[in-house]
PDB file of N, CA and C in Angstrom:
ATOM      1  N   MET A   1     -15.993-167.366 -72.945  1.00  0.00           N
ATOM      2  CA  MET A   1     -15.937-166.359 -71.846  1.00  0.00           C
ATOM      3  C   MET A   1     -17.365-166.538 -70.666  1.00  0.00           C
ATOM      4  N   MET A   2     -17.126-166.964 -69.739  1.00  0.00           N
ATOM      5  CA  MET A   2     -18.452-167.132 -68.775  1.00  0.00           C
ATOM      6  C   MET A   2     -18.688-165.717 -68.252  1.00  0.00           C
ATOM      7  N   GLN A   3     -20.078-165.153 -68.327  1.00  0.00           N
ATOM      8  CA  GLN A   3     -20.729-164.293 -67.853  1.00  0.00           C
ATOM      9  C   GLN A   3     -20.691-163.992 -66.557  1.00  0.00           C
ATOM     10  N   GLU A   4     -20.392-163.101 -65.956  1.00  0.00           N
ATOM     11  CA  GLU A   4     -20.613-162.984 -64.436  1.00  0.00           C
ATOM     12  C   GLU A   4     -22.078-162.531 -64.272  1.00  0.00           C
ATOM     13  N   ILE A   5     -22.491-163.198 -63.144  1.00  0.00           N
ATOM     14  CA  ILE A   5     -23.716-163.237 -62.688  1.00  0.00           C
ATOM     15  C   ILE A   5     -23.842-162.236 -61.095  1.00  0.00           C
ATOM     16  N   PRO A   6     -24.314-161.064 -61.083  1.00  0.00           N
ATOM     17  CA  PRO A   6     -24.043-160.304 -59.900  1.00  0.00           C
ATOM     18  C   PRO A   6     -24.943-161.378 -58.763  1.00  0.00           C
ATOM     19  N   LYS A   7     -24.232-161.368 -57.747  1.00  0.00           N
ATOM     20  CA  LYS A   7     -24.504-162.245 -56.380  1.00  0.00           C
ATOM     21  C   LYS A   7     -25.787-161.520 -55.502  1.00  0.00           C
ATOM     22  N   TYR A   8     -25.793-160.081 -55.848  1.00  0.00           N
ATOM     23  CA  TYR A   8     -26.901-159.549 -54.750  1.00  0.00           C
ATOM     24  C   TYR A   8     -28.083-158.696 -55.749  1.00  0.00           C
ATOM     25  N   SER A   9     -28.982-158.682 -55.550  1.00  0.00           N
ATOM     26  CA  SER A   9     -29.970-157.707 -56.552  1.00  0.00           C
ATOM     27  C   SER A   9     -29.925-156.523 -56.311  1.00  0.00           C
ATOM     28  N   ASN A  10     -29.763-156.160 -54.638  1.00  0.00           N
ATOM     29  CA  ASN A  10     -29.929-154.766 -54.361  1.00  0.00           C
ATOM     30  C   ASN A  10     -28.531-154.119 -53.504  1.00  0.00           C
ATOM     31  N   LEU A  11     -27.759-154.698 -54.041  1.00  0.00           N
ATOM     32  CA  LEU A  11     -26.373-153.960 -53.381  1.00  0.00           C
ATOM     33  C   LEU A  11     -26.137-152.703 -53.546  1.00  0.00           C
ATOM     34  N   HIS A  12     -26.568-152.127 -55.270  1.00  0.00           N
ATOM     35  CA  HIS A  12     -26.260-150.696 -55.351  1.00  0.00           C
ATOM     36  C   HIS A  12     -27.333-149.681 -54.540  1.00  0.00           C
ATOM     37  N   GLU A  13     -28.360-150.249 -54.478  1.00  0.00           N
ATOM     38  CA  GLU A  13     -29.487-149.484 -53.746  1.00  0.00           C
ATOM     39  C   GLU A  13     -29.056-149.504 -52.388  1.00  0.00           C
ATOM     40  N   ILE A  14     -28.719-150.603 -51.462  1.00  0.00           N
ATOM     41  CA  ILE A  14     -28.479-150.345 -50.189  1.00  0.00           C
ATOM     42  C   ILE A  14     -27.245-149.479 -49.790  1.00  0.00           C
ATOM     43  N   LEU A  15     -26.087-149.755 -50.740  1.00  0.00           N
ATOM     44  CA  LEU A  15     -24.845-149.506 -50.773  1.00  0.00           C
ATOM     45  C   LEU A  15     -24.697-148.212 -51.931  1.00  0.00           C
ATOM     46  N   PRO A  16     -25.153-146.979 -52.249  1.00  0.00           N
ATOM     47  CA  PRO A  16     -25.171-146.424 -53.320  1.00  0.00           C
ATOM     48  C   PRO A  16     -23.899-145.652 -53.285  1.00  0.00           C
ATOM     49  N   GLU A  17     -22.746-145.648 -52.353  1.00  0.00           N
ATOM     50  CA  GLU A  17     -21.710-145.116 -52.821  1.00  0.00           C
ATOM     51  C   GLU A  17     -20.405-146.004 -52.659  1.00  0.00           C
ATOM     52  N   LEU A  18     -20.707-147.128 -52.642  1.00  0.00           N
ATOM     53  CA  LEU A  18     -19.812-148.492 -52.601  1.00  0.00           C
ATOM     54  C   LEU A  18     -18.868-148.075 -54.379  1.00  0.00           C
ATOM     55  N   LEU A  19     -17.559-148.031 -54.221  1.00  0.00           N
ATOM     56  CA  LEU A  19     -16.758-147.759 -55.205  1.00  0.00           C
ATOM     57  C   LEU A  19     -17.020-149.008 -56.177  1.00  0.00           C
ATOM     58  N   PRO A  20     -17.369-148.692 -57.586  1.00  0.00           N
ATOM     59  CA  PRO A  20     -17.605-149.577 -58.474  1.00  0.00           C
ATOM     60  C   PRO A  20     -16.163-151.039 -58.592  1.00  0.00           C
ATOM     61  N   VAL A  21     -15.231-150.693 -58.228  1.00  0.00           N
ATOM     62  CA  VAL A  21     -14.562-151.998 -58.408  1.00  0.00           C
ATOM     63  C   VAL A  21     -15.007-152.916 -57.007  1.00  0.00           C
ATOM     64  N   LEU A  22     -15.274-152.168 -56.059  1.00  0.00           N
ATOM     65  CA  LEU A  22     -15.571-152.837 -54.756  1.00  0.00           C
ATOM     66  C   LEU A  22     -16.982-153.654 -54.742  1.00  0.00           C
ATOM     67  N   GLN A  23     -17.742-152.757 -55.774  1.00  0.00           N
ATOM     68  CA  GLN A  23     -19.064-153.684 -56.162  1.00  0.00           C
ATOM     69  C   GLN A  23     -18.965-154.704 -56.990  1.00  0.00           C
ATOM     70  N   GLU A  24     -18.198-154.473 -57.803  1.00  0.00           N
ATOM     71  CA  GLU A  24     -17.894-155.822 -58.971  1.00  0.00           C
ATOM     72  C   GLU A  24     -17.425-156.962 -58.335  1.00  0.00           C
ATOM     73  N   SER A  25     -16.223-156.642 -57.395  1.00  0.00           N
ATOM     74  CA  SER A  25     -15.491-157.358 -56.494  1.00  0.00           C
ATOM     75  C   SER A  25     -16.576-158.640 -55.611  1.00  0.00           C
ATOM     76  N   VAL A  26     -17.673-157.687 -54.935  1.00  0.00           N
ATOM     77  CA  VAL A  26     -18.233-158.342 -54.007  1.00  0.00           C
ATOM     78  C   VAL A  26     -19.528-159.271 -54.908  1.00  0.00           C
ATOM     79  N   GLN A  27     -19.907-158.359 -56.189  1.00  0.00           N
ATOM     80  CA  GLN A  27     -20.735-159.125 -56.861  1.00  0.00           C
ATOM     81  C   GLN A  27     -20.290-160.384 -57.477  1.00  0.00           C
ATOM     82  N   THR A  28     -19.168-160.282 -58.061  1.00  0.00           N
ATOM     83  CA  THR A  28     -18.492-161.464 -58.478  1.00  0.00           C
ATOM     84  C   THR A  28     -17.953-162.408 -57.627  1.00  0.00           C
ATOM     85  N   ASP A  29     -18.393-162.358 -56.096  1.00  0.00           N
ATOM     86  CA  ASP A  29     -17.898-163.047 -55.218  1.00  0.00           C
ATOM     87  C   ASP A  29     -16.548-163.372 -54.933  1.00  0.00           C
ATOM     88  N   ARG A  30     -15.651-162.379 -55.407  1.00  0.00           N
ATOM     89  CA  ARG A  30     -14.330-162.480 -55.373  1.00  0.00           C
ATOM     90  C   ARG A  30     -13.625-161.927 -53.721  1.00  0.00           C
ATOM     91  N   LEU A  31     -14.799-161.001 -53.604  1.00  0.00           N
ATOM     92  CA  LEU A  31     -14.439-160.549 -52.038  1.00  0.00           C
ATOM     93  C   LEU A  31     -15.721-160.749 -51.532  1.00  0.00           C
ATOM     94  N   GLU A  32     -15.847-160.735 -50.055  1.00  0.00           N
ATOM     95  CA  GLU A  32     -17.045-161.146 -49.001  1.00  0.00           C
ATOM     96  C   GLU A  32     -17.311-159.577 -48.562  1.00  0.00           C
ATOM     97  N   ILE A  33     -18.317-159.440 -48.195  1.00  0.00           N
ATOM     98  CA  ILE A  33     -18.969-158.215 -47.416  1.00  0.00           C
ATOM     99  C   ILE A  33     -19.632-159.286 -46.166  1.00  0.00           C
ATOM    100  N   GLN A  34     -19.670-158.265 -45.036  1.00  0.00           N
ATOM    101  CA  GLN A  34     -20.182-159.006 -43.545  1.00  0.00           C
ATOM    102  C   GLN A  34     -20.650-157.294 -43.089  1.00  0.00           C
ATOM    103  N   LYS A  35     -21.657-157.830 -42.151  1.00  0.00           N
ATOM    104  CA  LYS A  35     -22.124-156.442 -41.226  1.00  0.00           C
ATOM    105  C   LYS A  35     -21.178-156.693 -39.744  1.00  0.00           C
ATOM    106  N   ILE A  36     -20.813-155.316 -39.552  1.00  0.00           N
ATOM    107  CA  ILE A  36     -20.258-155.410 -38.305  1.00  0.00           C
ATOM    108  C   ILE A  36     -21.155-155.653 -37.024  1.00  0.00           C
ATOM    109  N   ASP A  37     -20.651-156.559 -36.334  1.00  0.00           N
ATOM    110  CA  ASP A  37     -21.546-156.808 -34.798  1.00  0.00           C
ATOM    111  C   ASP A  37     -21.004-155.724 -33.902  1.00  0.00           C
ATOM    112  N   LYS A  38     -21.910-154.524 -33.778  1.00  0.00           N
ATOM    113  CA  LYS A  38     -21.337-153.523 -32.839  1.00  0.00           C
ATOM    114  C   LYS A  38     -21.803-153.590 -31.444  1.00  0.00           C
ATOM    115  N   GLN A  39     -22.720-154.909 -31.199  1.00  0.00           N
ATOM    116  CA  GLN A  39     -22.777-155.348 -29.560  1.00  0.00           C
ATOM    117  C   GLN A  39     -21.704-155.909 -29.208  1.00  0.00           C
ATOM    118  N   SER A  40     -20.682-156.746 -29.952  1.00  0.00           N
ATOM    119  CA  SER A  40     -19.656-157.393 -29.519  1.00  0.00           C
ATOM    120  C   SER A  40     -18.949-157.031 -28.807  1.00  0.00           C
ATOM    121  N   LYS A  41     -18.520-157.263 -27.917  1.00  0.00           N
ATOM    122  CA  LYS A  41     -17.450-157.362 -27.030  1.00  0.00           C
ATOM    123  C   LYS A  41     -16.145-156.935 -27.743  1.00  0.00           C
ATOM    124  N   LYS A  42     -15.616-157.835 -28.537  1.00  0.00           N
ATOM    125  CA  LYS A  42     -14.395-157.431 -28.967  1.00  0.00           C
ATOM    126  C   LYS A  42     -14.546-156.412 -30.111  1.00  0.00           C
ATOM    127  N   PHE A  43     -15.454-155.829 -30.505  1.00  0.00           N
ATOM    128  CA  PHE A  43     -15.658-154.441 -31.493  1.00  0.00           C
ATOM    129  C   PHE A  43     -15.700-153.462 -30.638  1.00  0.00           C
ATOM    130  N   ILE A  44     -16.356-153.136 -29.785  1.00  0.00           N
ATOM    131  CA  ILE A  44     -16.387-152.043 -28.577  1.00  0.00           C
ATOM    132  C   ILE A  44     -15.166-151.957 -28.018  1.00  0.00           C
ATOM    133  N   MET A  45     -14.022-153.080 -27.807  1.00  0.00           N
ATOM    134  CA  MET A  45     -12.875-153.384 -27.620  1.00  0.00           C
ATOM    135  C   MET A  45     -11.941-152.297 -28.765  1.00  0.00           C
ATOM    136  N   ALA A  46     -12.164-152.887 -29.656  1.00  0.00           N
ATOM    137  CA  ALA A  46     -11.296-152.033 -30.984  1.00  0.00           C
ATOM    138  C   ALA A  46     -11.880-150.769 -31.415  1.00  0.00           C
ATOM    139  N   LEU A  47     -12.894-150.216 -30.827  1.00  0.00           N
ATOM    140  CA  LEU A  47     -13.010-148.722 -31.223  1.00  0.00           C
ATOM    141  C   LEU A  47     -12.119-148.104 -30.281  1.00  0.00           C
ATOM    142  N   GLU A  48     -11.656-148.392 -29.091  1.00  0.00           N
ATOM    143  CA  GLU A  48     -10.999-148.005 -28.454  1.00  0.00           C
ATOM    144  C   GLU A  48      -9.704-147.700 -29.130  1.00  0.00           C
ATOM    145  N   ARG A  49      -8.929-148.380 -29.631  1.00  0.00           N
ATOM    146  CA  ARG A  49      -7.756-148.545 -30.581  1.00  0.00           C
ATOM    147  C   ARG A  49      -8.164-147.772 -32.182  1.00  0.00           C
ATOM    148  N   PHE A  50      -9.154-148.061 -32.679  1.00  0.00           N
ATOM    149  CA  PHE A  50      -9.630-147.357 -33.748  1.00  0.00           C
ATOM    150  C   PHE A  50     -10.724-146.617 -33.833  1.00  0.00           C
ATOM    151  N   PRO A  51     -10.835-145.300 -33.181  1.00  0.00           N
ATOM    152  CA  PRO A  51     -11.802-144.659 -33.093  1.00  0.00           C
ATOM    153  C   PRO A  51     -12.783-144.279 -34.498  1.00  0.00           C
ATOM    154  N   ALA A  52     -12.096-144.591 -35.581  1.00  0.00           N
ATOM    155  CA  ALA A  52     -12.847-143.992 -37.137  1.00  0.00           C
ATOM    156  C   ALA A  52     -13.747-145.557 -37.343  1.00  0.00           C
ATOM    157  N   LEU A  53     -14.029-146.528 -36.683  1.00  0.00           N
ATOM    158  CA  LEU A  53     -14.731-147.784 -36.627  1.00  0.00           C
ATOM    159  C   LEU A  53     -16.100-147.421 -36.238  1.00  0.00           C
ATOM    160  N   LYS A  54     -16.059-146.541 -35.684  1.00  0.00           N
ATOM    161  CA  LYS A  54     -17.615-145.732 -34.650  1.00  0.00           C
ATOM    162  C   LYS A  54     -18.987-145.754 -36.084  1.00  0.00           C
ATOM    163  N   ASP A  55     -18.564-145.254 -37.167  1.00  0.00           N
ATOM    164  CA  ASP A  55     -19.416-145.060 -38.245  1.00  0.00           C
ATOM    165  C   ASP A  55     -19.335-146.513 -38.971  1.00  0.00           C
ATOM    166  N   ALA A  56     -18.319-147.318 -38.975  1.00  0.00           N
ATOM    167  CA  ALA A  56     -18.566-148.814 -39.667  1.00  0.00           C
ATOM    168  C   ALA A  56     -20.039-149.202 -39.616  1.00  0.00           C
ATOM    169  N   VAL A  57     -20.208-149.693 -40.707  1.00  0.00           N
ATOM    170  CA  VAL A  57     -21.313-150.512 -40.719  1.00  0.00           C
ATOM    171  C   VAL A  57     -21.059-152.058 -41.324  1.00  0.00           C
ATOM    172  N   TYR A  58     -20.384-152.121 -42.240  1.00  0.00           N
ATOM    173  CA  TYR A  58     -19.798-152.983 -42.966  1.00  0.00           C
ATOM    174  C   TYR A  58     -18.395-153.164 -43.365  1.00  0.00           C
ATOM    175  N   VAL A  59     -18.002-154.658 -43.650  1.00  0.00           N
ATOM    176  CA  VAL A  59     -16.675-154.584 -43.844  1.00  0.00           C
ATOM    177  C   VAL A  59     -16.506-155.601 -45.203  1.00  0.00           C
ATOM    178  N   ILE A  60     -15.459-155.257 -45.913  1.00  0.00           N
ATOM    179  CA  ILE A  60     -15.010-156.071 -46.912  1.00  0.00           C
ATOM    180  C   ILE A  60     -13.875-156.773 -46.880  1.00  0.00           C
ATOM    181  N   TYR A  61     -13.643-158.269 -47.380  1.00  0.00           N
ATOM    182  CA  TYR A  61     -12.329-158.684 -47.123  1.00  0.00           C
ATOM    183  C   TYR A  61     -12.724-159.977 -48.008  1.00  0.00           C
ATOM    184  N   SER A  62     -11.620-160.481 -48.345  1.00  0.00           N
ATOM    185  CA  SER A  62     -11.358-161.709 -48.906  1.00  0.00           C
ATOM    186  C   SER A  62     -11.470-162.829 -48.293  1.00  0.00           C
ATOM    187  N   LYS A  63     -12.359-163.541 -48.953  1.00  0.00           N
ATOM    188  CA  LYS A  63     -12.418-165.151 -48.313  1.00  0.00           C
ATOM    189  C   LYS A  63     -11.804-166.212 -48.868  1.00  0.00           C
ATOM    190  N   PHE A  64     -11.090-165.835 -49.705  1.00  0.00           N
ATOM    191  CA  PHE A  64     -10.035-166.787 -50.223  1.00  0.00           C
ATOM    192  C   PHE A  64      -8.857-166.707 -49.562  1.00  0.00           C
ATOM    193  N   ILE A  65      -8.411-165.917 -48.607  1.00  0.00           N
ATOM    194  CA  ILE A  65      -7.217-165.854 -47.892  1.00  0.00           C
ATOM    195  C   ILE A  65      -6.981-166.726 -46.685  1.00  0.00           C
ATOM    196  N   LYS A  66      -6.393-167.468 -46.567  1.00  0.00           N
ATOM    197  CA  LYS A  66      -6.334-168.848 -45.592  1.00  0.00           C
ATOM    198  C   LYS A  66      -5.811-167.951 -44.175  1.00  0.00           C
ATOM    199  N   LYS A  67      -6.577-168.802 -43.463  1.00  0.00           N
ATOM    200  CA  LYS A  67      -6.700-168.137 -41.759  1.00  0.00           C
ATOM    201  C   LYS A  67      -4.851-167.600 -41.622  1.00  0.00           C
ATOM    202  N   CYS A  68      -3.927-168.394 -41.659  1.00  0.00           N
ATOM    203  CA  CYS A  68      -2.762-168.220 -41.319  1.00  0.00           C
ATOM    204  C   CYS A  68      -1.981-166.861 -42.024  1.00  0.00           C
ATOM    205  N   GLU A  69      -2.895-166.401 -43.196  1.00  0.00           N
ATOM    206  CA  GLU A  69      -2.024-165.128 -43.747  1.00  0.00           C
ATOM    207  C   GLU A  69      -2.918-164.046 -43.898  1.00  0.00           C
ATOM    208  N   HIS A  70      -4.171-163.942 -43.035  1.00  0.00           N
ATOM    209  CA  HIS A  70      -4.908-162.898 -42.675  1.00  0.00           C
ATOM    210  C   HIS A  70      -3.918-161.799 -42.283  1.00  0.00           C
ATOM    211  N   GLU A  71      -2.973-162.040 -41.843  1.00  0.00           N
ATOM    212  CA  GLU A  71      -2.293-160.586 -41.186  1.00  0.00           C
ATOM    213  C   GLU A  71      -1.871-159.977 -42.376  1.00  0.00           C
ATOM    214  N   TYR A  72      -1.861-160.344 -43.498  1.00  0.00           N
ATOM    215  CA  TYR A  72      -1.183-159.652 -44.838  1.00  0.00           C
ATOM    216  C   TYR A  72      -2.666-159.191 -45.477  1.00  0.00           C
ATOM    217  N   GLU A  73      -3.387-159.097 -45.095  1.00  0.00           N
ATOM    218  CA  GLU A  73      -4.603-158.515 -45.633  1.00  0.00           C
ATOM    219  C   GLU A  73      -5.218-157.242 -45.161  1.00  0.00           C
ATOM    220  N   THR A  74      -5.815-156.642 -45.906  1.00  0.00           N
ATOM    221  CA  THR A  74      -6.675-155.221 -45.678  1.00  0.00           C
ATOM    222  C   THR A  74      -7.843-155.487 -45.668  1.00  0.00           C
ATOM    223  N   PHE A  75      -8.420-154.901 -44.685  1.00  0.00           N
ATOM    224  CA  PHE A  75      -9.880-154.939 -44.498  1.00  0.00           C
ATOM    225  C   PHE A  75     -10.407-153.344 -44.623  1.00  0.00           C
ATOM    226  N   ILE A  76     -11.421-153.221 -45.446  1.00  0.00           N
ATOM    227  CA  ILE A  76     -11.887-152.314 -46.014  1.00  0.00           C
ATOM    228  C   ILE A  76     -13.437-152.129 -45.208  1.00  0.00           C
ATOM    229  N   PHE A  77     -13.566-150.911 -44.240  1.00  0.00           N
ATOM    230  CA  PHE A  77     -14.395-150.647 -43.626  1.00  0.00           C
ATOM    231  C   PHE A  77     -15.486-149.262 -43.976  1.00  0.00           C
ATOM    232  N   LEU A  78     -17.096-149.944 -44.185  1.00  0.00           N
ATOM    233  CA  LEU A  78     -17.836-148.943 -45.047  1.00  0.00           C
ATOM    234  C   LEU A  78     -18.838-148.349 -44.100  1.00  0.00           C
ATOM    235  N   ASP A  79     -18.987-147.108 -44.351  1.00  0.00           N
ATOM    236  CA  ASP A  79     -20.171-146.713 -43.684  1.00  0.00           C
ATOM    237  C   ASP A  79     -21.712-147.281 -44.047  1.00  0.00           C
ATOM    238  N   GLU A  80     -22.486-146.584 -43.617  1.00  0.00           N
ATOM    239  CA  GLU A  80     -24.185-147.007 -44.042  1.00  0.00           C
ATOM    240  C   GLU A  80     -24.541-147.111 -45.744  1.00  0.00           C
ATOM    241  N   LYS A  81     -23.664-146.100 -46.159  1.00  0.00           N
ATOM    242  CA  LYS A  81     -24.124-145.883 -47.611  1.00  0.00           C
ATOM    243  C   LYS A  81     -23.013-146.949 -48.624  1.00  0.00           C
ATOM    244  N   GLY A  82     -21.944-147.320 -47.789  1.00  0.00           N
ATOM    245  CA  GLY A  82     -20.916-147.792 -48.651  1.00  0.00           C
ATOM    246  C   GLY A  82     -19.763-146.687 -48.919  1.00  0.00           C
ATOM    247  N   LYS A  83     -19.602-146.027 -48.287  1.00  0.00           N
ATOM    248  CA  LYS A  83     -18.587-145.149 -48.513  1.00  0.00           C
ATOM    249  C   LYS A  83     -17.288-145.779 -47.638  1.00  0.00           C
ATOM    250  N   SER A  84     -16.318-145.767 -47.988  1.00  0.00           N
ATOM    251  CA  SER A  84     -15.064-146.409 -47.579  1.00  0.00           C
ATOM    252  C   SER A  84     -14.579-145.339 -46.092  1.00  0.00           C
ATOM    253  N   ILE A  85     -14.581-145.688 -45.165  1.00  0.00           N
ATOM    254  CA  ILE A  85     -13.827-144.926 -43.748  1.00  0.00           C
ATOM    255  C   ILE A  85     -12.903-145.379 -43.323  1.00  0.00           C
ATOM    256  N   SER A  86     -12.381-146.473 -43.119  1.00  0.00           N
ATOM    257  CA  SER A  86     -11.247-147.115 -42.794  1.00  0.00           C
ATOM    258  C   SER A  86     -10.673-148.488 -43.313  1.00  0.00           C
ATOM    259  N   HIS A  87      -9.388-148.502 -43.766  1.00  0.00           N
ATOM    260  CA  HIS A  87      -8.461-149.457 -44.191  1.00  0.00           C
ATOM    261  C   HIS A  87      -7.655-149.995 -42.999  1.00  0.00           C
ATOM    262  N   ILE A  88      -8.077-151.504 -42.413  1.00  0.00           N
ATOM    263  CA  ILE A  88      -7.065-151.886 -41.083  1.00  0.00           C
ATOM    264  C   ILE A  88      -6.541-153.049 -41.747  1.00  0.00           C
ATOM    265  N   SER A  89      -5.196-153.192 -41.248  1.00  0.00           N
ATOM    266  CA  SER A  89      -4.632-154.821 -41.840  1.00  0.00           C
ATOM    267  C   SER A  89      -4.911-155.625 -40.812  1.00  0.00           C
ATOM    268  N   GLY A  90      -4.606-156.896 -41.418  1.00  0.00           N
ATOM    269  CA  GLY A  90      -5.109-158.033 -40.135  1.00  0.00           C
ATOM    270  C   GLY A  90      -3.995-158.356 -39.374  1.00  0.00           C
ATOM    271  N   ARG A  91      -3.033-157.593 -39.578  1.00  0.00           N
ATOM    272  CA  ARG A  91      -1.931-157.414 -38.393  1.00  0.00           C
ATOM    273  C   ARG A  91      -2.444-156.531 -37.393  1.00  0.00           C
ATOM    274  N   GLU A  92      -3.249-155.643 -37.438  1.00  0.00           N
ATOM    275  CA  GLU A  92      -3.749-155.041 -36.379  1.00  0.00           C
ATOM    276  C   GLU A  92      -5.162-155.102 -35.864  1.00  0.00           C
ATOM    277  N   LEU A  93      -5.943-156.047 -36.519  1.00  0.00           N
ATOM    278  CA  LEU A  93      -7.048-156.361 -36.021  1.00  0.00           C
ATOM    279  C   LEU A  93      -7.338-157.748 -36.938  1.00  0.00           C
ATOM    280  N   THR A  94      -8.311-158.780 -35.842  1.00  0.00           N
ATOM    281  CA  THR A  94      -8.812-159.741 -36.777  1.00  0.00           C
ATOM    282  C   THR A  94     -10.228-159.801 -36.834  1.00  0.00           C
ATOM    283  N   LEU A  95     -10.916-160.022 -37.650  1.00  0.00           N
ATOM    284  CA  LEU A  95     -12.717-160.075 -38.103  1.00  0.00           C
ATOM    285  C   LEU A  95     -13.132-160.802 -36.963  1.00  0.00           C
ATOM    286  N   TYR A  96     -12.780-162.202 -36.525  1.00  0.00           N
ATOM    287  CA  TYR A  96     -13.603-163.173 -35.743  1.00  0.00           C
ATOM    288  C   TYR A  96     -14.091-162.270 -34.620  1.00  0.00           C
ATOM    289  N   GLY A  97     -14.963-162.721 -34.325  1.00  0.00           N
ATOM    290  CA  GLY A  97     -16.181-162.183 -33.116  1.00  0.00           C
ATOM    291  C   GLY A  97     -16.690-160.785 -33.444  1.00  0.00           C
ATOM    292  N   ILE A  98     -16.238-159.716 -34.564  1.00  0.00           N
ATOM    293  CA  ILE A  98     -16.972-158.693 -35.118  1.00  0.00           C
ATOM    294  C   ILE A  98     -17.838-158.855 -36.238  1.00  0.00           C
ATOM    295  N   ILE A  99     -17.925-159.857 -36.857  1.00  0.00           N
ATOM    296  CA  ILE A  99     -18.764-159.587 -37.922  1.00  0.00           C
ATOM    297  C   ILE A  99     -20.047-160.467 -38.113  1.00  0.00           C
ATOM    298  N   LYS A 100     -20.966-160.563 -38.783  1.00  0.00           N
ATOM    299  CA  LYS A 100     -22.414-161.216 -39.173  1.00  0.00           C
ATOM    300  C   LYS A 100     -22.818-161.121 -40.423  1.00  0.00           C
ATOM    301  N   PRO A 101     -23.596-162.118 -40.996  1.00  0.00           N
ATOM    302  CA  PRO A 101     -24.211-161.943 -41.979  1.00  0.00           C
ATOM    303  C   PRO A 101     -24.598-160.771 -42.173  1.00  0.00           C
ATOM    304  N   CYS A 102     -24.701-160.421 -43.584  1.00  0.00           N
ATOM    305  CA  CYS A 102     -25.766-158.908 -44.037  1.00  0.00           C
ATOM    306  C   CYS A 102     -27.399-159.814 -44.609  1.00  0.00           C
ATOM    307  N   GLU A 103     -28.012-159.709 -43.782  1.00  0.00           N
ATOM    308  CA  GLU A 103     -29.463-160.182 -44.053  1.00  0.00           C
ATOM    309  C   GLU A 103     -30.225-159.095 -44.886  1.00  0.00           C
ATOM    310  N   GLU A 104     -29.740-157.792 -45.165  1.00  0.00           N
ATOM    311  CA  GLU A 104     -30.579-157.069 -45.907  1.00  0.00           C
ATOM    312  C   GLU A 104     -30.008-157.229 -47.562  1.00  0.00           C
ATOM    313  N   PHE A 105     -29.148-158.124 -47.607  1.00  0.00           N
ATOM    314  CA  PHE A 105     -28.865-158.357 -49.178  1.00  0.00           C
ATOM    315  C   PHE A 105     -29.492-159.037 -49.660  1.00  0.00           C
ATOM    316  N   CYS A 106     -30.278-159.337 -50.809  1.00  0.00           N
ATOM    317  CA  CYS A 106     -30.986-160.429 -51.535  1.00  0.00           C
ATOM    318  C   CYS A 106     -30.285-160.693 -52.415  1.00  0.00           C
ATOM    319  N   ILE A 107     -29.820-161.975 -52.321  1.00  0.00           N
ATOM    320  CA  ILE A 107     -29.156-162.890 -53.472  1.00  0.00           C
ATOM    321  C   ILE A 107     -29.828-162.817 -54.609  1.00  0.00           C
ATOM    322  N   SER A 108     -29.321-163.009 -56.143  1.00  0.00           N
ATOM    323  CA  SER A 108     -30.050-162.471 -56.957  1.00  0.00           C
ATOM    324  C   SER A 108     -30.546-164.205 -57.610  1.00  0.00           C
ATOM    325  N   GLU A 109     -31.655-164.596 -57.890  1.00  0.00           N
ATOM    326  CA  GLU A 109     -32.060-165.847 -58.375  1.00  0.00           C
ATOM    327  C   GLU A 109     -31.054-166.329 -59.608  1.00  0.00           C
ATOM    328  N   ASP A 110     -30.679-165.440 -60.451  1.00  0.00           N
ATOM    329  CA  ASP A 110     -30.029-166.255 -61.563  1.00  0.00           C
ATOM    330  C   ASP A 110     -28.729-166.864 -60.744  1.00  0.00           C
ATOM    331  N   TYR A 111     -28.084-165.790 -59.393  1.00  0.00           N
ATOM    332  CA  TYR A 111     -26.759-166.518 -59.068  1.00  0.00           C
ATOM    333  C   TYR A 111     -27.200-167.732 -58.380  1.00  0.00           C
ATOM    334  N   ILE A 112     -28.245-167.774 -57.719  1.00  0.00           N
ATOM    335  CA  ILE A 112     -28.825-169.017 -56.866  1.00  0.00           C
ATOM    336  C   ILE A 112     -28.642-169.969 -58.007  1.00  0.00           C
ATOM    337  N   PHE A 113     -29.212-169.909 -59.014  1.00  0.00           N
ATOM    338  CA  PHE A 113     -29.453-170.848 -59.891  1.00  0.00           C
ATOM    339  C   PHE A 113     -28.082-171.367 -60.578  1.00  0.00           C
ATOM    340  N   GLN A 114     -27.401-170.433 -60.861  1.00  0.00           N
ATOM    341  CA  GLN A 114     -25.861-170.824 -61.250  1.00  0.00           C
ATOM    342  C   GLN A 114     -24.960-171.491 -60.405  1.00  0.00           C
ATOM    343  N   GLU A 115     -25.332-171.431 -59.408  1.00  0.00           N
ATOM    344  CA  GLU A 115     -24.691-172.126 -57.991  1.00  0.00           C
ATOM    345  C   GLU A 115     -25.036-173.631 -57.937  1.00  0.00           C
ATOM    346  N   GLU A 116     -26.325-173.999 -58.494  1.00  0.00           N
ATOM    347  CA  GLU A 116     -26.949-175.328 -58.400  1.00  0.00           C
ATOM    348  C   GLU A 116     -26.457-175.977 -59.651  1.00  0.00           C
ATOM    349  N   ASP A 117     -26.027-175.208 -60.672  1.00  0.00           N
ATOM    350  CA  ASP A 117     -25.548-175.951 -61.946  1.00  0.00           C
ATOM    351  C   ASP A 117     -24.129-176.943 -61.524  1.00  0.00           C
TER     352      ASP A 117
END
């Protein structure tokens, strides 16, 4: 059995309230975490429909779902400490144009070397 190597070395420090199942899924690269681009016009418009997103900083989603099937996905929005604040389906909102990479997370060296194998 292959040992799972954590993707981010500082995920728990940045998001201490992230549920263990979400942390494990992000760390094993089953789910993706991105930062919300609060300056994007699309996000500002989404706030009118989803006011709970005003405290959203991150979103977790599956990077394996095909674009044509995104409407069946649920996006998990997190606050600055990793607490889940809203779940929104792909039918209600698309992430395109409102997310950007998380520069604050450090990819662990073990994960990088595993990727090179």
